């Protein structure tokens, strides 16, 4: 049985709220500055752009202190990961990193 977008957003928001206090202050400040209203994206699961995966965008570029990758949430795996844009324009899901804390520390 698939979950509704509302259920996924609730799960995602609950995870963020639970893990945000665990971040070092400078990482928490970066996250809060880059956090975006979650939206579902189709990205590529391989750098060649042949297999896709659906993820939820959690952080985005804001034009100041941007990272080369953005935090996403894989609702199917219930895990956070990173997406980066390759030179060929492919949005590549670099894979799961685990918790929100582990993912942000990996940037």
Protein backbone atom coordinates (compact mmCIF):
# COMPACT_ATOMS: atom_id res chain seq x y z
CA UNK A 1 0.00 0.00 0.00
CA UNK A 2 1.46 3.34 -1.00
CA UNK A 3 1.49 6.26 1.34
CA UNK A 4 -0.06 9.63 0.55
CA UNK A 5 2.02 12.75 0.05
CA UNK A 6 0.59 14.08 3.32
CA UNK A 7 1.80 11.02 5.24
CA UNK A 8 5.27 11.32 3.70
CA UNK A 9 5.47 15.05 4.47
CA UNK A 10 4.42 14.41 8.08
CA UNK A 11 7.05 11.68 8.41
CA UNK A 12 9.71 13.92 6.86
CA UNK A 13 8.86 16.92 9.05
CA UNK A 14 8.87 14.74 12.18
CA UNK A 15 12.30 13.34 11.28
CA UNK A 16 13.71 16.83 10.66
CA UNK A 17 12.31 18.17 13.95
CA UNK A 18 13.68 15.18 15.88
CA UNK A 19 17.18 15.34 14.34
CA UNK A 20 17.70 19.09 13.99
CA UNK A 21 18.69 19.57 17.67
CA UNK A 22 21.41 16.90 17.18
CA UNK A 23 23.29 19.02 14.63
CA UNK A 24 26.23 21.19 15.61
CA UNK A 25 25.14 24.83 15.72
CA UNK A 26 26.91 25.89 12.50
CA UNK A 27 25.36 22.96 10.60
CA UNK A 28 21.93 23.64 12.06
CA UNK A 29 22.20 27.28 10.97
CA UNK A 30 23.24 26.20 7.45
CA UNK A 31 20.32 23.76 7.28
CA UNK A 32 17.78 26.32 8.47
CA UNK A 33 19.04 28.84 5.89
CA UNK A 34 18.77 26.29 3.05
CA UNK A 35 15.68 24.35 4.10
CA UNK A 36 12.91 24.48 1.52
CA UNK A 37 9.28 23.41 1.47
CA UNK A 38 9.65 19.73 0.50
CA UNK A 39 8.68 18.82 -3.04
CA UNK A 40 8.98 15.56 -4.89
CA UNK A 41 11.63 15.28 -7.61
CA UNK A 42 12.55 12.64 -10.13
CA UNK A 43 16.34 12.27 -10.17
CA UNK A 44 18.75 9.76 -11.63
CA UNK A 45 20.05 6.89 -9.52
CA UNK A 46 23.18 6.64 -11.68
CA UNK A 47 25.47 9.31 -13.15
CA UNK A 48 24.71 8.14 -16.70
CA UNK A 49 21.08 9.20 -16.33
CA UNK A 50 19.46 5.86 -17.12
CA UNK A 51 17.61 4.86 -13.92
CA UNK A 52 15.34 7.23 -12.02
CA UNK A 53 14.26 7.47 -8.41
CA UNK A 54 11.67 9.69 -6.71
CA UNK A 55 12.92 11.72 -3.72
CA UNK A 56 11.76 14.73 -1.73
CA UNK A 57 13.89 17.89 -1.85
CA UNK A 58 14.72 19.10 1.68
CA UNK A 59 17.37 21.81 1.08
CA UNK A 60 17.94 24.00 -1.95
CA UNK A 61 20.36 26.58 -3.22
CA UNK A 62 19.70 30.09 -1.92
CA UNK A 63 22.65 31.94 -3.48
CA UNK A 64 24.67 32.24 -0.27
CA UNK A 65 26.93 29.54 1.21
CA UNK A 66 25.37 26.91 -1.08
CA UNK A 67 26.75 23.38 -1.06
CA UNK A 68 27.43 21.51 -4.29
CA UNK A 69 24.72 19.02 -3.29
CA UNK A 70 21.24 19.24 -1.82
CA UNK A 71 19.64 17.14 0.91
CA UNK A 72 16.78 14.88 -0.18
CA UNK A 73 14.56 12.31 1.52
CA UNK A 74 13.93 8.89 0.01
CA UNK A 75 10.43 8.09 1.29
CA UNK A 76 10.59 4.46 0.11
CA UNK A 77 13.74 3.79 2.14
CA UNK A 78 12.86 6.30 4.89
CA UNK A 79 16.39 7.68 4.62
CA UNK A 80 18.11 10.96 3.78
CA UNK A 81 20.58 11.33 0.93
CA UNK A 82 22.21 13.82 -1.40
CA UNK A 83 21.52 15.01 -4.95
CA UNK A 84 24.00 16.92 -7.08
CA UNK A 85 23.79 18.37 -10.57
CA UNK A 86 26.46 16.99 -12.88
CA UNK A 87 28.11 19.00 -15.67
CA UNK A 88 25.86 17.26 -18.20
CA UNK A 89 22.77 18.57 -16.36
CA UNK A 90 21.83 15.21 -14.83
CA UNK A 91 20.43 15.47 -11.30
CA UNK A 92 22.19 12.51 -9.69
CA UNK A 93 21.08 10.87 -6.47
CA UNK A 94 24.45 10.17 -4.86
CA UNK A 95 22.85 7.66 -2.55
CA UNK A 96 21.55 7.31 0.97
CA UNK A 97 23.55 8.73 3.86
CA UNK A 98 21.26 7.66 6.68
CA UNK A 99 20.03 10.20 9.17
CA UNK A 100 19.66 13.89 8.52
CA UNK A 101 22.69 14.48 10.76
CA UNK A 102 24.89 12.03 8.81
CA UNK A 103 23.72 13.48 5.51
CA UNK A 104 24.46 17.10 6.41
CA UNK A 105 27.82 16.15 7.91
CA UNK A 106 28.68 14.47 4.57
CA UNK A 107 28.27 17.66 2.54
